[in-house]
Structure formats: C-alpha cells, structure tokens
C-alpha cells in the first residue's frame, strides 16, 4: 500500500468514527429531551390532579 492510500484509509476510518459518535450524541440528546418532556407532562398532569382533589375535598 502506498503512503497516500494509508492516509486516505485512515481519514475515511476517522470520518466514519466521527459520524458514529455524532449519531450517538444526537441519540443521547434526543433521549434526554424526550425524558424531560415526559417528566414535564407528568408534573403538569400531577399538578392538575392535585388541584382537582383539593377542590373535590373543599366542595
């Protein structure tokens, strides 16, 4: 193999690795965003339930 072929192969491998790492990072960020949205929704729903219960007891 020529030196230039080795350099090209190495550059290609590094690029592929970087692409995989970025995909992993994107997946992690998406999972974190979805988890936060789910928790926010649960908190909102929990808050509504608590208020309803409070009004139910008062009435």
PDB file of N, CA and C in Angstrom:
ATOM      1  N   UNK A   1       0.841  -1.194   0.000  1.00  0.00           N
ATOM      2  CA  UNK A   1       0.000   0.000   0.000  1.00  0.00           C
ATOM      3  C   UNK A   1       0.882   1.251   0.000  1.00  0.00           C
ATOM      4  N   UNK A   2       0.492   2.201  -0.753  1.00  0.00           N
ATOM      5  CA  UNK A   2       1.221   3.462  -0.792  1.00  0.00           C
ATOM      6  C   UNK A   2       0.857   4.315   0.415  1.00  0.00           C
ATOM      7  N   UNK A   3       1.740   5.211   0.711  1.00  0.00           N
ATOM      8  CA  UNK A   3       1.526   6.109   1.845  1.00  0.00           C
ATOM      9  C   UNK A   3       0.216   6.895   1.690  1.00  0.00           C
ATOM     10  N   UNK A   4      -0.056   7.370   0.473  1.00  0.00           N
ATOM     11  CA  UNK A   4      -1.279   8.149   0.238  1.00  0.00           C
ATOM     12  C   UNK A   4      -2.524   7.289   0.463  1.00  0.00           C
ATOM     13  N   UNK A   5      -2.446   5.994   0.099  1.00  0.00           N
ATOM     14  CA  UNK A   5      -3.586   5.095   0.333  1.00  0.00           C
ATOM     15  C   UNK A   5      -3.817   4.891   1.825  1.00  0.00           C
ATOM     16  N   UNK A   6      -2.724   4.764   2.555  1.00  0.00           N
ATOM     17  CA  UNK A   6      -2.839   4.612   4.017  1.00  0.00           C
ATOM     18  C   UNK A   6      -3.470   5.854   4.637  1.00  0.00           C
ATOM     19  N   UNK A   7      -3.018   7.025   4.196  1.00  0.00           N
ATOM     20  CA  UNK A   7      -3.580   8.272   4.710  1.00  0.00           C
ATOM     21  C   UNK A   7      -5.067   8.370   4.388  1.00  0.00           C
ATOM     22  N   UNK A   8      -5.454   8.002   3.165  1.00  0.00           N
ATOM     23  CA  UNK A   8      -6.861   8.073   2.761  1.00  0.00           C
ATOM     24  C   UNK A   8      -7.706   7.095   3.573  1.00  0.00           C
ATOM     25  N   UNK A   9      -7.189   5.892   3.779  1.00  0.00           N
ATOM     26  CA  UNK A   9      -7.921   4.890   4.563  1.00  0.00           C
ATOM     27  C   UNK A   9      -8.086   5.361   6.008  1.00  0.00           C
ATOM     28  N   UNK A  10      -7.024   5.913   6.564  1.00  0.00           N
ATOM     29  CA  UNK A  10      -7.078   6.415   7.935  1.00  0.00           C
ATOM     30  C   UNK A  10      -8.084   7.560   8.046  1.00  0.00           C
ATOM     31  N   UNK A  11      -8.064   8.471   7.090  1.00  0.00           N
ATOM     32  CA  UNK A  11      -9.008   9.601   7.100  1.00  0.00           C
ATOM     33  C   UNK A  11     -10.443   9.097   6.998  1.00  0.00           C
ATOM     34  N   UNK A  12     -10.671   8.091   6.155  1.00  0.00           N
ATOM     35  CA  UNK A  12     -12.016   7.534   5.991  1.00  0.00           C
ATOM     36  C   UNK A  12     -12.489   6.888   7.307  1.00  0.00           C
ATOM     37  N   UNK A  13     -11.594   6.112   7.948  1.00  0.00           N
ATOM     38  CA  UNK A  13     -11.960   5.476   9.219  1.00  0.00           C
ATOM     39  C   UNK A  13     -12.276   6.506  10.299  1.00  0.00           C
ATOM     40  N   UNK A  14     -11.455   7.552  10.367  1.00  0.00           N
ATOM     41  CA  UNK A  14     -11.697   8.600  11.357  1.00  0.00           C
ATOM     42  C   UNK A  14     -13.019   9.306  11.087  1.00  0.00           C
ATOM     43  N   UNK A  15     -13.315   9.543   9.805  1.00  0.00           N
ATOM     44  CA  UNK A  15     -14.574  10.199   9.445  1.00  0.00           C
ATOM     45  C   UNK A  15     -15.758   9.322   9.840  1.00  0.00           C
ATOM     46  N   UNK A  16     -15.662   8.015   9.533  1.00  0.00           N
ATOM     47  CA  UNK A  16     -16.741   7.089   9.898  1.00  0.00           C
ATOM     48  C   UNK A  16     -16.936   7.044  11.410  1.00  0.00           C
ATOM     49  N   UNK A  17     -15.809   7.037  12.131  1.00  0.00           N
ATOM     50  CA  UNK A  17     -15.894   7.015  13.593  1.00  0.00           C
ATOM     51  C   UNK A  17     -16.564   8.296  14.107  1.00  0.00           C
ATOM     52  N   UNK A  18     -16.189   9.438  13.534  1.00  0.00           N
ATOM     53  CA  UNK A  18     -16.767  10.716  13.949  1.00  0.00           C
ATOM     54  C   UNK A  18     -18.267  10.741  13.657  1.00  0.00           C
ATOM     55  N   UNK A  19     -18.663  10.190  12.514  1.00  0.00           N
ATOM     56  CA  UNK A  19     -20.082  10.139  12.157  1.00  0.00           C
ATOM     57  C   UNK A  19     -20.845   9.282  13.163  1.00  0.00           C
ATOM     58  N   UNK A  20     -20.273   8.124  13.518  1.00  0.00           N
ATOM     59  CA  UNK A  20     -20.920   7.249  14.518  1.00  0.00           C
ATOM     60  C   UNK A  20     -21.045   7.952  15.868  1.00  0.00           C
ATOM     61  N   UNK A  21     -19.970   8.634  16.282  1.00  0.00           N
ATOM     62  CA  UNK A  21     -20.001   9.333  17.569  1.00  0.00           C
ATOM     63  C   UNK A  21     -21.053  10.439  17.575  1.00  0.00           C
ATOM     64  N   UNK A  22     -21.158  11.177  16.469  1.00  0.00           N
ATOM     65  CA  UNK A  22     -22.161  12.242  16.398  1.00  0.00           C
ATOM     66  C   UNK A  22     -23.578  11.661  16.433  1.00  0.00           C
ATOM     67  N   UNK A  23     -23.767  10.509  15.794  1.00  0.00           N
ATOM     68  CA  UNK A  23     -25.082   9.853  15.834  1.00  0.00           C
ATOM     69  C   UNK A  23     -25.412   9.447  17.270  1.00  0.00           C
ATOM     70  N   UNK A  24     -24.408   8.944  18.003  1.00  0.00           N
ATOM     71  CA  UNK A  24     -24.619   8.574  19.404  1.00  0.00           C
ATOM     72  C   UNK A  24     -24.972   9.793  20.243  1.00  0.00           C
ATOM     73  N   UNK A  25     -24.258  10.897  19.999  1.00  0.00           N
ATOM     74  CA  UNK A  25     -24.524  12.129  20.743  1.00  0.00           C
ATOM     75  C   UNK A  25     -25.935  12.622  20.454  1.00  0.00           C
ATOM     76  N   UNK A  26     -26.320  12.610  19.162  1.00  0.00           N
ATOM     77  CA  UNK A  26     -27.668  13.040  18.796  1.00  0.00           C
ATOM     78  C   UNK A  26     -28.727  12.167  19.451  1.00  0.00           C
ATOM     79  N   UNK A  27     -28.501  10.854  19.474  1.00  0.00           N
ATOM     80  CA  UNK A  27     -29.456   9.930  20.096  1.00  0.00           C
ATOM     81  C   UNK A  27     -29.571  10.202  21.594  1.00  0.00           C
ATOM     82  N   UNK A  28     -28.446  10.469  22.241  1.00  0.00           N
ATOM     83  CA  UNK A  28     -28.470  10.754  23.678  1.00  0.00           C
ATOM     84  C   UNK A  28     -29.230  12.046  23.963  1.00  0.00           C
ATOM     85  N   UNK A  29     -28.979  13.085  23.155  1.00  0.00           N
ATOM     86  CA  UNK A  29     -29.678  14.357  23.349  1.00  0.00           C
ATOM     87  C   UNK A  29     -31.178  14.193  23.120  1.00  0.00           C
ATOM     88  N   UNK A  30     -31.547  13.421  22.103  1.00  0.00           N
ATOM     89  CA  UNK A  30     -32.962  13.196  21.821  1.00  0.00           C
ATOM     90  C   UNK A  30     -33.626  12.445  22.973  1.00  0.00           C
ATOM     91  N   UNK A  31     -32.942  11.432  23.498  1.00  0.00           N
ATOM     92  CA  UNK A  31     -33.491  10.668  24.618  1.00  0.00           C
ATOM     93  C   UNK A  31     -33.667  11.565  25.841  1.00  0.00           C
ATOM     94  N   UNK A  32     -32.679  12.429  26.090  1.00  0.00           N
ATOM     95  CA  UNK A  32     -32.775  13.331  27.244  1.00  0.00           C
ATOM     96  C   UNK A  32     -33.922  14.317  27.064  1.00  0.00           C
ATOM     97  N   UNK A  33     -34.080  14.831  25.850  1.00  0.00           N
ATOM     98  CA  UNK A  33     -35.169  15.769  25.560  1.00  0.00           C
ATOM     99  C   UNK A  33     -36.522  15.098  25.766  1.00  0.00           C
ATOM    100  N   UNK A  34     -36.656  13.864  25.261  1.00  0.00           N
ATOM    101  CA  UNK A  34     -37.917  13.140  25.421  1.00  0.00           C
ATOM    102  C   UNK A  34     -38.212  12.857  26.888  1.00  0.00           C
ATOM    103  N   UNK A  35     -37.167  12.499  27.639  1.00  0.00           N
ATOM    104  CA  UNK A  35     -37.355  12.230  29.069  1.00  0.00           C
ATOM    105  C   UNK A  35     -37.811  13.492  29.798  1.00  0.00           C
ATOM    106  N   UNK A  36     -37.178  14.620  29.485  1.00  0.00           N
ATOM    107  CA  UNK A  36     -37.576  15.883  30.125  1.00  0.00           C
ATOM    108  C   UNK A  36     -39.016  16.244  29.787  1.00  0.00           C
ATOM    109  N   UNK A  37     -39.394  16.038  28.515  1.00  0.00           N
ATOM    110  CA  UNK A  37     -40.766  16.347  28.096  1.00  0.00           C
ATOM    111  C   UNK A  37     -41.756  15.444  28.838  1.00  0.00           C
ATOM    112  N   UNK A  38     -41.406  14.166  28.957  1.00  0.00           N
ATOM    113  CA  UNK A  38     -42.297  13.237  29.661  1.00  0.00           C
ATOM    114  C   UNK A  38     -42.438  13.640  31.136  1.00  0.00           C
ATOM    115  N   UNK A  39     -41.315  13.974  31.775  1.00  0.00           N
ATOM    116  CA  UNK A  39     -41.378  14.395  33.184  1.00  0.00           C
ATOM    117  C   UNK A  39     -42.189  15.672  33.345  1.00  0.00           C
ATOM    118  N   UNK A  40     -41.994  16.608  32.405  1.00  0.00           N
ATOM    119  CA  UNK A  40     -42.741  17.860  32.457  1.00  0.00           C
ATOM    120  C   UNK A  40     -44.233  17.578  32.344  1.00  0.00           C
ATOM    121  N   UNK A  41     -44.605  16.698  31.420  1.00  0.00           N
ATOM    122  CA  UNK A  41     -46.008  16.341  31.226  1.00  0.00           C
ATOM    123  C   UNK A  41     -46.571  15.648  32.471  1.00  0.00           C
ATOM    124  N   UNK A  42     -45.777  14.755  33.071  1.00  0.00           N
ATOM    125  CA  UNK A  42     -46.233  14.071  34.283  1.00  0.00           C
ATOM    126  C   UNK A  42     -46.424  15.077  35.421  1.00  0.00           C
ATOM    127  N   UNK A  43     -45.492  16.021  35.532  1.00  0.00           N
ATOM    128  CA  UNK A  43     -45.620  17.044  36.576  1.00  0.00           C
ATOM    129  C   UNK A  43     -46.864  17.882  36.358  1.00  0.00           C
ATOM    130  N   UNK A  44     -47.096  18.250  35.081  1.00  0.00           N
ATOM    131  CA  UNK A  44     -48.262  19.069  34.764  1.00  0.00           C
ATOM    132  C   UNK A  44     -49.543  18.294  35.096  1.00  0.00           C
ATOM    133  N   UNK A  45     -49.582  17.027  34.666  1.00  0.00           N
ATOM    134  CA  UNK A  45     -50.757  16.203  34.953  1.00  0.00           C
ATOM    135  C   UNK A  45     -50.919  15.996  36.457  1.00  0.00           C
ATOM    136  N   UNK A  46     -49.809  15.772  37.153  1.00  0.00           N
ATOM    137  CA  UNK A  46     -49.844  15.603  38.603  1.00  0.00           C
ATOM    138  C   UNK A  46     -50.366  16.852  39.285  1.00  0.00           C
ATOM    139  N   UNK A  47     -49.970  18.006  38.797  1.00  0.00           N
ATOM    140  CA  UNK A  47     -50.435  19.275  39.359  1.00  0.00           C
ATOM    141  C   UNK A  47     -51.925  19.443  39.162  1.00  0.00           C
ATOM    142  N   UNK A  48     -52.419  19.064  37.984  1.00  0.00           N
ATOM    143  CA  UNK A  48     -53.851  19.172  37.719  1.00  0.00           C
ATOM    144  C   UNK A  48     -54.633  18.225  38.618  1.00  0.00           C
ATOM    145  N   UNK A  49     -54.109  17.017  38.795  1.00  0.00           N
ATOM    146  CA  UNK A  49     -54.808  16.044  39.645  1.00  0.00           C
ATOM    147  C   UNK A  49     -54.852  16.550  41.090  1.00  0.00           C
ATOM    148  N   UNK A  50     -53.736  17.085  41.535  1.00  0.00           N
ATOM    149  CA  UNK A  50     -53.699  17.597  42.912  1.00  0.00           C
ATOM    150  C   UNK A  50     -54.725  18.713  43.102  1.00  0.00           C
ATOM    151  N   UNK A  51     -54.809  19.604  42.121  1.00  0.00           N
ATOM    152  CA  UNK A  51     -55.760  20.723  42.248  1.00  0.00           C
ATOM    153  C   UNK A  51     -57.182  20.194  42.255  1.00  0.00           C
ATOM    154  N   UNK A  52     -57.461  19.260  41.377  1.00  0.00           N
ATOM    155  CA  UNK A  52     -58.813  18.700  41.345  1.00  0.00           C
ATOM    156  C   UNK A  52     -59.168  18.067  42.671  1.00  0.00           C
ATOM    157  N   UNK A  53     -58.240  17.306  43.232  1.00  0.00           N
ATOM    158  CA  UNK A  53     -58.510  16.656  44.520  1.00  0.00           C
ATOM    159  C   UNK A  53     -58.787  17.705  45.590  1.00  0.00           C
ATOM    160  N   UNK A  54     -57.999  18.763  45.574  1.00  0.00           N
ATOM    161  CA  UNK A  54     -58.164  19.807  46.574  1.00  0.00           C
ATOM    162  C   UNK A  54     -59.575  20.419  46.469  1.00  0.00           C
ATOM    163  N   UNK A  55     -59.959  20.729  45.229  1.00  0.00           N
ATOM    164  CA  UNK A  55     -61.290  21.304  45.028  1.00  0.00           C
ATOM    165  C   UNK A  55     -62.364  20.299  45.405  1.00  0.00           C
ATOM    166  N   UNK A  56     -62.145  19.025  45.108  1.00  0.00           N
ATOM    167  CA  UNK A  56     -63.108  17.993  45.437  1.00  0.00           C
ATOM    168  C   UNK A  56     -63.361  17.920  46.944  1.00  0.00           C
ATOM    169  N   UNK A  57     -62.298  18.018  47.719  1.00  0.00           N
ATOM    170  CA  UNK A  57     -62.463  17.947  49.184  1.00  0.00           C
ATOM    171  C   UNK A  57     -63.143  19.208  49.719  1.00  0.00           C
ATOM    172  N   UNK A  58     -62.804  20.343  49.134  1.00  0.00           N
ATOM    173  CA  UNK A  58     -63.371  21.610  49.623  1.00  0.00           C
ATOM    174  C   UNK A  58     -64.876  21.670  49.316  1.00  0.00           C
ATOM    175  N   UNK A  59     -65.272  21.122  48.185  1.00  0.00           N
ATOM    176  CA  UNK A  59     -66.683  21.176  47.809  1.00  0.00           C
ATOM    177  C   UNK A  59     -67.409  20.097  48.589  1.00  0.00           C
TER     178      UNK A  59
END
